[in-house]
Amino acid sequence: MKNLKSYRLAMACCVLLFFSSCAGVLYLGDTLPATSSVKVYYDAKDVKQSYKVIGHLAQAISGTPNMDDVKEKVIEKAKSIGADGVIFLQITAKPGSSNDAETINADAIKFDQ
């Protein structure tokens, strides 16, 4: 009986961890004052002014997500960390997972003044 309770508790923790990790955008980089708008690019060569990459964003997705919602989450995170733009880089499959578990990667950029 004790093992069953421990198993259920462990499973509940795993489920909560899974859903909480999918909800937020991961960010590694510098944090600057928040911005009110972010320009969106899909290739670095499309950015016509000079900039520097201030960090890297990643959004885990699974199943059949609404890609507009995923994009909006990344943009909102970019605003909160002070980016002027995001360059969406790629969609990659997670190692050891099925094709419906992926990560959206993007660079957060700050335009040179």
PDB file of N, CA and C in Angstrom:
ATOM      1  N   MET A   1       0.814  -1.188   0.000  1.00  0.00           N
ATOM      2  CA  MET A   1       0.000   0.000   0.000  1.00  0.00           C
ATOM      3  C   MET A   1       0.866   1.265   0.000  1.00  0.00           C
ATOM      4  N   LYS A   2       1.924   1.232   0.813  1.00  0.00           N
ATOM      5  CA  LYS A   2       2.814   2.388   0.884  1.00  0.00           C
ATOM      6  C   LYS A   2       3.500   2.621  -0.465  1.00  0.00           C
ATOM      7  N   ASN A   3       3.898   1.532  -1.155  1.00  0.00           N
ATOM      8  CA  ASN A   3       4.532   1.661  -2.460  1.00  0.00           C
ATOM      9  C   ASN A   3       3.581   2.246  -3.495  1.00  0.00           C
ATOM     10  N   LEU A   4       2.316   1.889  -3.417  1.00  0.00           N
ATOM     11  CA  LEU A   4       1.323   2.415  -4.350  1.00  0.00           C
ATOM     12  C   LEU A   4       1.139   3.919  -4.152  1.00  0.00           C
ATOM     13  N   LYS A   5       1.089   4.366  -2.894  1.00  0.00           N
ATOM     14  CA  LYS A   5       0.969   5.807  -2.607  1.00  0.00           C
ATOM     15  C   LYS A   5       2.207   6.547  -3.105  1.00  0.00           C
ATOM     16  N   SER A   6       3.376   5.985  -2.881  1.00  0.00           N
ATOM     17  CA  SER A   6       4.613   6.608  -3.352  1.00  0.00           C
ATOM     18  C   SER A   6       4.643   6.672  -4.871  1.00  0.00           C
ATOM     19  N   TYR A   7       4.193   5.611  -5.514  1.00  0.00           N
ATOM     20  CA  TYR A   7       4.149   5.569  -6.973  1.00  0.00           C
ATOM     21  C   TYR A   7       3.208   6.642  -7.513  1.00  0.00           C
ATOM     22  N   ARG A   8       2.026   6.744  -6.915  1.00  0.00           N
ATOM     23  CA  ARG A   8       1.055   7.757  -7.357  1.00  0.00           C
ATOM     24  C   ARG A   8       1.602   9.172  -7.165  1.00  0.00           C
ATOM     25  N   LEU A   9       2.244   9.408  -6.036  1.00  0.00           N
ATOM     26  CA  LEU A   9       2.826  10.714  -5.770  1.00  0.00           C
ATOM     27  C   LEU A   9       3.920  11.025  -6.782  1.00  0.00           C
ATOM     28  N   ALA A  10       4.769  10.059  -7.070  1.00  0.00           N
ATOM     29  CA  ALA A  10       5.841  10.258  -8.050  1.00  0.00           C
ATOM     30  C   ALA A  10       5.276  10.538  -9.435  1.00  0.00           C
ATOM     31  N   MET A  11       4.243   9.804  -9.825  1.00  0.00           N
ATOM     32  CA  MET A  11       3.619  10.023 -11.130  1.00  0.00           C
ATOM     33  C   MET A  11       2.975  11.406 -11.209  1.00  0.00           C
ATOM     34  N   ALA A  12       2.303  11.817 -10.142  1.00  0.00           N
ATOM     35  CA  ALA A  12       1.679  13.143 -10.123  1.00  0.00           C
ATOM     36  C   ALA A  12       2.739  14.237 -10.259  1.00  0.00           C
ATOM     37  N   CYS A  13       3.865  14.067  -9.581  1.00  0.00           N
ATOM     38  CA  CYS A  13       4.955  15.044  -9.683  1.00  0.00           C
ATOM     39  C   CYS A  13       5.520  15.087 -11.099  1.00  0.00           C
ATOM     40  N   CYS A  14       5.678  13.933 -11.722  1.00  0.00           N
ATOM     41  CA  CYS A  14       6.188  13.883 -13.097  1.00  0.00           C
ATOM     42  C   CYS A  14       5.244  14.578 -14.064  1.00  0.00           C
ATOM     43  N   VAL A  15       3.950  14.344 -13.906  1.00  0.00           N
ATOM     44  CA  VAL A  15       2.963  14.981 -14.787  1.00  0.00           C
ATOM     45  C   VAL A  15       2.995  16.492 -14.604  1.00  0.00           C
ATOM     46  N   LEU A  16       3.023  16.952 -13.355  1.00  0.00           N
ATOM     47  CA  LEU A  16       3.082  18.395 -13.098  1.00  0.00           C
ATOM     48  C   LEU A  16       4.362  19.010 -13.652  1.00  0.00           C
ATOM     49  N   LEU A  17       5.472  18.333 -13.484  1.00  0.00           N
ATOM     50  CA  LEU A  17       6.736  18.823 -14.015  1.00  0.00           C
ATOM     51  C   LEU A  17       6.692  18.903 -15.529  1.00  0.00           C
ATOM     52  N   PHE A  18       6.122  17.884 -16.174  1.00  0.00           N
ATOM     53  CA  PHE A  18       6.018  17.879 -17.629  1.00  0.00           C
ATOM     54  C   PHE A  18       5.204  19.060 -18.115  1.00  0.00           C
ATOM     55  N   PHE A  19       4.025  19.284 -17.533  1.00  0.00           N
ATOM     56  CA  PHE A  19       3.169  20.369 -18.002  1.00  0.00           C
ATOM     57  C   PHE A  19       3.741  21.738 -17.662  1.00  0.00           C
ATOM     58  N   SER A  20       4.405  21.863 -16.529  1.00  0.00           N
ATOM     59  CA  SER A  20       4.988  23.164 -16.198  1.00  0.00           C
ATOM     60  C   SER A  20       6.180  23.468 -17.085  1.00  0.00           C
ATOM     61  N   SER A  21       6.935  22.453 -17.508  1.00  0.00           N
ATOM     62  CA  SER A  21       8.083  22.705 -18.366  1.00  0.00           C
ATOM     63  C   SER A  21       7.661  23.070 -19.781  1.00  0.00           C
ATOM     64  N   CYS A  22       6.496  22.594 -20.219  1.00  0.00           N
ATOM     65  CA  CYS A  22       6.017  22.911 -21.560  1.00  0.00           C
ATOM     66  C   CYS A  22       5.386  24.288 -21.625  1.00  0.00           C
ATOM     67  N   ALA A  23       4.999  24.830 -20.494  1.00  0.00           N
ATOM     68  CA  ALA A  23       4.233  26.075 -20.484  1.00  0.00           C
ATOM     69  C   ALA A  23       5.098  27.295 -20.751  1.00  0.00           C
ATOM     70  N   GLY A  24       6.314  27.322 -20.219  1.00  0.00           N
ATOM     71  CA  GLY A  24       7.116  28.530 -20.291  1.00  0.00           C
ATOM     72  C   GLY A  24       8.191  28.477 -21.353  1.00  0.00           C
ATOM     73  N   VAL A  25       8.628  29.665 -21.729  1.00  0.00           N
ATOM     74  CA  VAL A  25       9.726  29.800 -22.685  1.00  0.00           C
ATOM     75  C   VAL A  25      11.018  29.830 -21.888  1.00  0.00           C
ATOM     76  N   LEU A  26      11.944  28.951 -22.229  1.00  0.00           N
ATOM     77  CA  LEU A  26      13.264  28.956 -21.581  1.00  0.00           C
ATOM     78  C   LEU A  26      14.103  30.059 -22.189  1.00  0.00           C
ATOM     79  N   TYR A  27      14.905  30.734 -21.357  1.00  0.00           N
ATOM     80  CA  TYR A  27      15.744  31.825 -21.851  1.00  0.00           C
ATOM     81  C   TYR A  27      17.101  31.762 -21.186  1.00  0.00           C
ATOM     82  N   LEU A  28      18.134  31.918 -21.996  1.00  0.00           N
ATOM     83  CA  LEU A  28      19.502  32.008 -21.508  1.00  0.00           C
ATOM     84  C   LEU A  28      20.125  33.231 -22.152  1.00  0.00           C
ATOM     85  N   GLY A  29      20.473  34.219 -21.339  1.00  0.00           N
ATOM     86  CA  GLY A  29      21.086  35.414 -21.899  1.00  0.00           C
ATOM     87  C   GLY A  29      20.952  36.605 -20.976  1.00  0.00           C
ATOM     88  N   ASP A  30      21.219  37.769 -21.528  1.00  0.00           N
ATOM     89  CA  ASP A  30      21.135  39.025 -20.787  1.00  0.00           C
ATOM     90  C   ASP A  30      19.679  39.468 -20.679  1.00  0.00           C
ATOM     91  N   THR A  31      19.368  40.153 -19.585  1.00  0.00           N
ATOM     92  CA  THR A  31      18.045  40.734 -19.408  1.00  0.00           C
ATOM     93  C   THR A  31      18.190  42.244 -19.333  1.00  0.00           C
ATOM     94  N   LEU A  32      17.449  42.927 -20.182  1.00  0.00           N
ATOM     95  CA  LEU A  32      17.471  44.383 -20.277  1.00  0.00           C
ATOM     96  C   LEU A  32      16.086  44.903 -19.924  1.00  0.00           C
ATOM     97  N   PRO A  33      15.910  46.228 -19.849  1.00  0.00           N
ATOM     98  CA  PRO A  33      14.557  46.744 -19.601  1.00  0.00           C
ATOM     99  C   PRO A  33      13.584  46.258 -20.681  1.00  0.00           C
ATOM    100  N   ALA A  34      12.368  45.949 -20.270  1.00  0.00           N
ATOM    101  CA  ALA A  34      11.346  45.404 -21.176  1.00  0.00           C
ATOM    102  C   ALA A  34      11.078  46.346 -22.345  1.00  0.00           C
ATOM    103  N   THR A  35      10.704  45.755 -23.462  1.00  0.00           N
ATOM    104  CA  THR A  35      10.327  46.529 -24.650  1.00  0.00           C
ATOM    105  C   THR A  35       8.836  46.323 -24.916  1.00  0.00           C
ATOM    106  N   SER A  36       8.265  47.228 -25.700  1.00  0.00           N
ATOM    107  CA  SER A  36       6.825  47.139 -25.974  1.00  0.00           C
ATOM    108  C   SER A  36       6.515  46.462 -27.303  1.00  0.00           C
ATOM    109  N   SER A  37       7.517  46.342 -28.161  1.00  0.00           N
ATOM    110  CA  SER A  37       7.288  45.651 -29.435  1.00  0.00           C
ATOM    111  C   SER A  37       8.547  44.903 -29.840  1.00  0.00           C
ATOM    112  N   VAL A  38       8.336  43.833 -30.577  1.00  0.00           N
ATOM    113  CA  VAL A  38       9.422  42.980 -31.037  1.00  0.00           C
ATOM    114  C   VAL A  38       9.202  42.672 -32.506  1.00  0.00           C
ATOM    115  N   LYS A  39      10.237  42.862 -33.310  1.00  0.00           N
ATOM    116  CA  LYS A  39      10.155  42.496 -34.725  1.00  0.00           C
ATOM    117  C   LYS A  39      10.490  41.019 -34.863  1.00  0.00           C
ATOM    118  N   VAL A  40       9.831  40.363 -35.817  1.00  0.00           N
ATOM    119  CA  VAL A  40       9.987  38.924 -36.001  1.00  0.00           C
ATOM    120  C   VAL A  40      10.691  38.648 -37.331  1.00  0.00           C
ATOM    121  N   TYR A  41      11.701  37.783 -37.260  1.00  0.00           N
ATOM    122  CA  TYR A  41      12.453  37.378 -38.446  1.00  0.00           C
ATOM    123  C   TYR A  41      12.564  35.853 -38.448  1.00  0.00           C
ATOM    124  N   TYR A  42      12.759  35.315 -39.645  1.00  0.00           N
ATOM    125  CA  TYR A  42      12.924  33.864 -39.780  1.00  0.00           C
ATOM    126  C   TYR A  42      14.286  33.503 -40.353  1.00  0.00           C
ATOM    127  N   ASP A  43      15.104  34.517 -40.609  1.00  0.00           N
ATOM    128  CA  ASP A  43      16.468  34.303 -41.083  1.00  0.00           C
ATOM    129  C   ASP A  43      17.281  35.542 -40.727  1.00  0.00           C
ATOM    130  N   ALA A  44      18.490  35.342 -40.251  1.00  0.00           N
ATOM    131  CA  ALA A  44      19.334  36.463 -39.837  1.00  0.00           C
ATOM    132  C   ALA A  44      19.615  37.431 -40.976  1.00  0.00           C
ATOM    133  N   LYS A  45      19.675  36.935 -42.197  1.00  0.00           N
ATOM    134  CA  LYS A  45      19.975  37.829 -43.323  1.00  0.00           C
ATOM    135  C   LYS A  45      18.823  38.791 -43.622  1.00  0.00           C
ATOM    136  N   ASP A  46      17.647  38.540 -43.059  1.00  0.00           N
ATOM    137  CA  ASP A  46      16.518  39.445 -43.251  1.00  0.00           C
ATOM    138  C   ASP A  46      16.575  40.675 -42.352  1.00  0.00           C
ATOM    139  N   VAL A  47      17.427  40.650 -41.331  1.00  0.00           N
ATOM    140  CA  VAL A  47      17.585  41.790 -40.428  1.00  0.00           C
ATOM    141  C   VAL A  47      18.479  42.806 -41.120  1.00  0.00           C
ATOM    142  N   LYS A  48      17.935  43.968 -41.433  1.00  0.00           N
ATOM    143  CA  LYS A  48      18.652  44.958 -42.248  1.00  0.00           C
ATOM    144  C   LYS A  48      19.439  45.981 -41.449  1.00  0.00           C
ATOM    145  N   GLN A  49      19.356  45.962 -40.139  1.00  0.00           N
ATOM    146  CA  GLN A  49      20.167  46.873 -39.339  1.00  0.00           C
ATOM    147  C   GLN A  49      21.078  46.061 -38.426  1.00  0.00           C
ATOM    148  N   SER A  50      22.121  46.706 -37.935  1.00  0.00           N
ATOM    149  CA  SER A  50      23.083  45.971 -37.112  1.00  0.00           C
ATOM    150  C   SER A  50      22.466  45.669 -35.735  1.00  0.00           C
ATOM    151  N   TYR A  51      22.867  44.545 -35.179  1.00  0.00           N
ATOM    152  CA  TYR A  51      22.314  44.075 -33.915  1.00  0.00           C
ATOM    153  C   TYR A  51      23.305  43.151 -33.236  1.00  0.00           C
ATOM    154  N   LYS A  52      22.991  42.828 -31.990  1.00  0.00           N
ATOM    155  CA  LYS A  52      23.735  41.773 -31.302  1.00  0.00           C
ATOM    156  C   LYS A  52      22.725  40.806 -30.696  1.00  0.00           C
ATOM    157  N   VAL A  53      23.123  39.556 -30.614  1.00  0.00           N
ATOM    158  CA  VAL A  53      22.299  38.534 -29.973  1.00  0.00           C
ATOM    159  C   VAL A  53      22.490  38.688 -28.474  1.00  0.00           C
ATOM    160  N   ILE A  54      21.387  38.889 -27.751  1.00  0.00           N
ATOM    161  CA  ILE A  54      21.478  39.035 -26.299  1.00  0.00           C
ATOM    162  C   ILE A  54      21.127  37.745 -25.562  1.00  0.00           C
ATOM    163  N   GLY A  55      20.580  36.769 -26.297  1.00  0.00           N
ATOM    164  CA  GLY A  55      20.247  35.509 -25.647  1.00  0.00           C
ATOM    165  C   GLY A  55      19.548  34.542 -26.576  1.00  0.00           C
ATOM    166  N   HIS A  56      19.263  33.373 -26.030  1.00  0.00           N
ATOM    167  CA  HIS A  56      18.646  32.292 -26.794  1.00  0.00           C
ATOM    168  C   HIS A  56      17.350  31.863 -26.109  1.00  0.00           C
ATOM    169  N   LEU A  57      16.306  31.673 -26.910  1.00  0.00           N
ATOM    170  CA  LEU A  57      14.989  31.287 -26.430  1.00  0.00           C
ATOM    171  C   LEU A  57      14.659  29.881 -26.922  1.00  0.00           C
ATOM    172  N   ALA A  58      13.932  29.128 -26.113  1.00  0.00           N
ATOM    173  CA  ALA A  58      13.480  27.799 -26.517  1.00  0.00           C
ATOM    174  C   ALA A  58      12.090  27.562 -25.938  1.00  0.00           C
ATOM    175  N   GLN A  59      11.196  27.062 -26.769  1.00  0.00           N
ATOM    176  CA  GLN A  59       9.835  26.729 -26.345  1.00  0.00           C
ATOM    177  C   GLN A  59       9.565  25.276 -26.692  1.00  0.00           C
ATOM    178  N   ALA A  60       9.360  24.453 -25.673  1.00  0.00           N
ATOM    179  CA  ALA A  60       9.020  23.046 -25.897  1.00  0.00           C
ATOM    180  C   ALA A  60       7.559  22.948 -26.295  1.00  0.00           C
ATOM    181  N   ILE A  61       7.291  22.108 -27.280  1.00  0.00           N
ATOM    182  CA  ILE A  61       5.915  21.882 -27.722  1.00  0.00           C
ATOM    183  C   ILE A  61       5.703  20.389 -27.906  1.00  0.00           C
ATOM    184  N   SER A  62       4.458  19.964 -27.837  1.00  0.00           N
ATOM    185  CA  SER A  62       4.150  18.563 -28.107  1.00  0.00           C
ATOM    186  C   SER A  62       2.751  18.471 -28.678  1.00  0.00           C
ATOM    187  N   GLY A  63       2.457  17.352 -29.275  1.00  0.00           N
ATOM    188  CA  GLY A  63       1.150  17.167 -29.885  1.00  0.00           C
ATOM    189  C   GLY A  63       1.007  18.015 -31.127  1.00  0.00           C
ATOM    190  N   THR A  64      -0.165  18.589 -31.305  1.00  0.00           N
ATOM    191  CA  THR A  64      -0.433  19.460 -32.444  1.00  0.00           C
ATOM    192  C   THR A  64      -0.753  20.851 -31.909  1.00  0.00           C
ATOM    193  N   PRO A  65       0.273  21.641 -31.601  1.00  0.00           N
ATOM    194  CA  PRO A  65       0.038  22.947 -30.990  1.00  0.00           C
ATOM    195  C   PRO A  65      -0.425  23.968 -32.026  1.00  0.00           C
ATOM    196  N   ASN A  66      -1.041  25.025 -31.537  1.00  0.00           N
ATOM    197  CA  ASN A  66      -1.346  26.168 -32.371  1.00  0.00           C
ATOM    198  C   ASN A  66      -0.055  26.973 -32.486  1.00  0.00           C
ATOM    199  N   MET A  67       0.560  26.961 -33.659  1.00  0.00           N
ATOM    200  CA  MET A  67       1.875  27.590 -33.827  1.00  0.00           C
ATOM    201  C   MET A  67       1.814  29.105 -33.624  1.00  0.00           C
ATOM    202  N   ASP A  68       0.672  29.729 -33.875  1.00  0.00           N
ATOM    203  CA  ASP A  68       0.540  31.159 -33.597  1.00  0.00           C
ATOM    204  C   ASP A  68       0.648  31.426 -32.097  1.00  0.00           C
ATOM    205  N   ASP A  69       0.082  30.534 -31.286  1.00  0.00           N
ATOM    206  CA  ASP A  69       0.192  30.678 -29.832  1.00  0.00           C
ATOM    207  C   ASP A  69       1.635  30.489 -29.370  1.00  0.00           C
ATOM    208  N   VAL A  70       2.318  29.509 -29.939  1.00  0.00           N
ATOM    209  CA  VAL A  70       3.726  29.264 -29.596  1.00  0.00           C
ATOM    210  C   VAL A  70       4.562  30.489 -29.954  1.00  0.00           C
ATOM    211  N   LYS A  71       4.357  31.007 -31.148  1.00  0.00           N
ATOM    212  CA  LYS A  71       5.075  32.202 -31.609  1.00  0.00           C
ATOM    213  C   LYS A  71       4.823  33.377 -30.666  1.00  0.00           C
ATOM    214  N   GLU A  72       3.574  33.559 -30.261  1.00  0.00           N
ATOM    215  CA  GLU A  72       3.221  34.668 -29.368  1.00  0.00           C
ATOM    216  C   GLU A  72       3.893  34.530 -28.009  1.00  0.00           C
ATOM    217  N   LYS A  73       4.008  33.310 -27.488  1.00  0.00           N
ATOM    218  CA  LYS A  73       4.700  33.094 -26.211  1.00  0.00           C
ATOM    219  C   LYS A  73       6.168  33.513 -26.314  1.00  0.00           C
ATOM    220  N   VAL A  74       6.800  33.155 -27.413  1.00  0.00           N
ATOM    221  CA  VAL A  74       8.208  33.521 -27.609  1.00  0.00           C
ATOM    222  C   VAL A  74       8.342  35.043 -27.713  1.00  0.00           C
ATOM    223  N   ILE A  75       7.448  35.678 -28.449  1.00  0.00           N
ATOM    224  CA  ILE A  75       7.491  37.145 -28.607  1.00  0.00           C
ATOM    225  C   ILE A  75       7.275  37.834 -27.257  1.00  0.00           C
ATOM    226  N   GLU A  76       6.323  37.355 -26.467  1.00  0.00           N
ATOM    227  CA  GLU A  76       6.075  37.960 -25.158  1.00  0.00           C
ATOM    228  C   GLU A  76       7.291  37.822 -24.247  1.00  0.00           C
ATOM    229  N   LYS A  77       7.938  36.669 -24.298  1.00  0.00           N
ATOM    230  CA  LYS A  77       9.156  36.484 -23.494  1.00  0.00           C
ATOM    231  C   LYS A  77      10.246  37.434 -23.980  1.00  0.00           C
ATOM    232  N   ALA A  78      10.375  37.588 -25.300  1.00  0.00           N
ATOM    233  CA  ALA A  78      11.379  38.492 -25.864  1.00  0.00           C
ATOM    234  C   ALA A  78      11.139  39.930 -25.399  1.00  0.00           C
ATOM    235  N   LYS A  79       9.893  40.361 -25.369  1.00  0.00           N
ATOM    236  CA  LYS A  79       9.572  41.701 -24.859  1.00  0.00           C
ATOM    237  C   LYS A  79       9.999  41.839 -23.410  1.00  0.00           C
ATOM    238  N   SER A  80       9.712  40.816 -22.604  1.00  0.00           N
ATOM    239  CA  SER A  80       9.992  40.893 -21.172  1.00  0.00           C
ATOM    240  C   SER A  80      11.479  40.947 -20.851  1.00  0.00           C
ATOM    241  N   ILE A  81      12.330  40.430 -21.748  1.00  0.00           N
ATOM    242  CA  ILE A  81      13.773  40.453 -21.482  1.00  0.00           C
ATOM    243  C   ILE A  81      14.467  41.603 -22.213  1.00  0.00           C
ATOM    244  N   GLY A  82      13.687  42.453 -22.896  1.00  0.00           N
ATOM    245  CA  GLY A  82      14.235  43.659 -23.499  1.00  0.00           C
ATOM    246  C   GLY A  82      14.736  43.511 -24.916  1.00  0.00           C
ATOM    247  N   ALA A  83      14.308  42.493 -25.632  1.00  0.00           N
ATOM    248  CA  ALA A  83      14.744  42.303 -27.020  1.00  0.00           C
ATOM    249  C   ALA A  83      13.990  43.248 -27.949  1.00  0.00           C
ATOM    250  N   ASP A  84      14.660  43.659 -29.025  1.00  0.00           N
ATOM    251  CA  ASP A  84      14.011  44.438 -30.079  1.00  0.00           C
ATOM    252  C   ASP A  84      13.468  43.527 -31.173  1.00  0.00           C
ATOM    253  N   GLY A  85      13.982  42.300 -31.231  1.00  0.00           N
ATOM    254  CA  GLY A  85      13.547  41.364 -32.253  1.00  0.00           C
ATOM    255  C   GLY A  85      13.867  39.942 -31.856  1.00  0.00           C
ATOM    256  N   VAL A  86      13.246  39.007 -32.574  1.00  0.00           N
ATOM    257  CA  VAL A  86      13.569  37.595 -32.432  1.00  0.00           C
ATOM    258  C   VAL A  86      13.785  37.018 -33.819  1.00  0.00           C
ATOM    259  N   ILE A  87      14.758  36.147 -33.904  1.00  0.00           N
ATOM    260  CA  ILE A  87      15.012  35.412 -35.141  1.00  0.00           C
ATOM    261  C   ILE A  87      14.671  33.950 -34.843  1.00  0.00           C
ATOM    262  N   PHE A  88      13.564  33.472 -35.417  1.00  0.00           N
ATOM    263  CA  PHE A  88      13.198  32.075 -35.241  1.00  0.00           C
ATOM    264  C   PHE A  88      14.168  31.239 -36.063  1.00  0.00           C
ATOM    265  N   LEU A  89      14.799  30.272 -35.417  1.00  0.00           N
ATOM    266  CA  LEU A  89      15.882  29.522 -36.038  1.00  0.00           C
ATOM    267  C   LEU A  89      15.448  28.173 -36.580  1.00  0.00           C
ATOM    268  N   GLN A  90      14.841  27.355 -35.740  1.00  0.00           N
ATOM    269  CA  GLN A  90      14.541  25.991 -36.157  1.00  0.00           C
ATOM    270  C   GLN A  90      13.547  25.332 -35.223  1.00  0.00           C
ATOM    271  N   ILE A  91      12.999  24.241 -35.702  1.00  0.00           N
ATOM    272  CA  ILE A  91      12.184  23.346 -34.902  1.00  0.00           C
ATOM    273  C   ILE A  91      12.956  22.035 -34.848  1.00  0.00           C
ATOM    274  N   THR A  92      13.262  21.568 -33.654  1.00  0.00           N
ATOM    275  CA  THR A  92      14.031  20.338 -33.518  1.00  0.00           C
ATOM    276  C   THR A  92      13.277  19.312 -32.691  1.00  0.00           C
ATOM    277  N   ALA A  93      13.435  18.050 -33.053  1.00  0.00           N
ATOM    278  CA  ALA A  93      12.847  16.966 -32.278  1.00  0.00           C
ATOM    279  C   ALA A  93      13.700  16.735 -31.040  1.00  0.00           C
ATOM    280  N   LYS A  94      13.056  16.439 -29.930  1.00  0.00           N
ATOM    281  CA  LYS A  94      13.778  16.115 -28.708  1.00  0.00           C
ATOM    282  C   LYS A  94      14.390  14.733 -28.854  1.00  0.00           C
ATOM    283  N   PRO A  95      15.634  14.551 -28.433  1.00  0.00           N
ATOM    284  CA  PRO A  95      16.252  13.224 -28.518  1.00  0.00           C
ATOM    285  C   PRO A  95      15.448  12.191 -27.738  1.00  0.00           C
ATOM    286  N   GLY A  96      15.217  11.052 -28.362  1.00  0.00           N
ATOM    287  CA  GLY A  96      14.523   9.963 -27.698  1.00  0.00           C
ATOM    288  C   GLY A  96      13.016  10.111 -27.617  1.00  0.00           C
ATOM    289  N   SER A  97      12.461  11.091 -28.345  1.00  0.00           N
ATOM    290  CA  SER A  97      11.013  11.281 -28.289  1.00  0.00           C
ATOM    291  C   SER A  97      10.395  11.024 -29.651  1.00  0.00           C
ATOM    292  N   SER A  98       9.089  10.991 -29.663  1.00  0.00           N
ATOM    293  CA  SER A  98       8.394  10.809 -30.933  1.00  0.00           C
ATOM    294  C   SER A  98       8.439  12.115 -31.727  1.00  0.00           C
ATOM    295  N   ASN A  99       8.002  12.077 -32.963  1.00  0.00           N
ATOM    296  CA  ASN A  99       8.048  13.259 -33.820  1.00  0.00           C
ATOM    297  C   ASN A  99       7.129  14.378 -33.361  1.00  0.00           C
ATOM    298  N   ASP A 100       6.204  14.094 -32.442  1.00  0.00           N
ATOM    299  CA  ASP A 100       5.298  15.152 -32.017  1.00  0.00           C
ATOM    300  C   ASP A 100       5.789  15.899 -30.778  1.00  0.00           C
ATOM    301  N   ALA A 101       7.026  15.691 -30.347  1.00  0.00           N
ATOM    302  CA  ALA A 101       7.621  16.439 -29.245  1.00  0.00           C
ATOM    303  C   ALA A 101       8.816  17.204 -29.788  1.00  0.00           C
ATOM    304  N   GLU A 102       8.698  18.523 -29.790  1.00  0.00           N
ATOM    305  CA  GLU A 102       9.702  19.352 -30.449  1.00  0.00           C
ATOM    306  C   GLU A 102      10.016  20.587 -29.634  1.00  0.00           C
ATOM    307  N   THR A 103      11.050  21.305 -30.084  1.00  0.00           N
ATOM    308  CA  THR A 103      11.429  22.569 -29.472  1.00  0.00           C
ATOM    309  C   THR A 103      11.582  23.612 -30.562  1.00  0.00           C
ATOM    310  N   ILE A 104      11.019  24.788 -30.329  1.00  0.00           N
ATOM    311  CA  ILE A 104      11.196  25.942 -31.201  1.00  0.00           C
ATOM    312  C   ILE A 104      12.362  26.747 -30.617  1.00  0.00           C
ATOM    313  N   ASN A 105      13.370  27.044 -31.416  1.00  0.00           N
ATOM    314  CA  ASN A 105      14.522  27.824 -30.968  1.00  0.00           C
ATOM    315  C   ASN A 105      14.543  29.176 -31.665  1.00  0.00           C
ATOM    316  N   ALA A 106      14.951  30.204 -30.920  1.00  0.00           N
ATOM    317  CA  ALA A 106      15.030  31.546 -31.473  1.00  0.00           C
ATOM    318  C   ALA A 106      16.151  32.311 -30.783  1.00  0.00           C
ATOM    319  N   ASP A 107      16.683  33.312 -31.477  1.00  0.00           N
ATOM    320  CA  ASP A 107      17.648  34.233 -30.888  1.00  0.00           C
ATOM    321  C   ASP A 107      16.929  35.527 -30.539  1.00  0.00           C
ATOM    322  N   ALA A 108      17.219  36.060 -29.366  1.00  0.00           N
ATOM    323  CA  ALA A 108      16.732  37.386 -28.969  1.00  0.00           C
ATOM    324  C   ALA A 108      17.798  38.383 -29.393  1.00  0.00           C
ATOM    325  N   ILE A 109      17.379  39.440 -30.089  1.00  0.00           N
ATOM    326  CA  ILE A 109      18.354  40.418 -30.565  1.00  0.00           C
ATOM    327  C   ILE A 109      18.040  41.833 -30.071  1.00  0.00           C
ATOM    328  N   LYS A 110      19.087  42.629 -29.982  1.00  0.00           N
ATOM    329  CA  LYS A 110      18.982  44.049 -29.616  1.00  0.00           C
ATOM    330  C   LYS A 110      19.649  44.841 -30.708  1.00  0.00           C
ATOM    331  N   PHE A 111      18.927  45.788 -31.289  1.00  0.00           N
ATOM    332  CA  PHE A 111      19.488  46.606 -32.371  1.00  0.00           C
ATOM    333  C   PHE A 111      20.544  47.560 -31.804  1.00  0.00           C
ATOM    334  N   ASP A 112      21.616  47.781 -32.576  1.00  0.00           N
ATOM    335  CA  ASP A 112      22.642  48.746 -32.212  1.00  0.00           C
ATOM    336  C   ASP A 112      22.066  50.136 -32.377  1.00  0.00           C
ATOM    337  N   GLN A 113      22.412  51.019 -31.466  1.00  0.00           N
ATOM    338  CA  GLN A 113      21.859  52.386 -31.517  1.00  0.00           C
ATOM    339  C   GLN A 113      22.758  53.324 -32.271  1.00  0.00           C
TER     340      GLN A 113
END
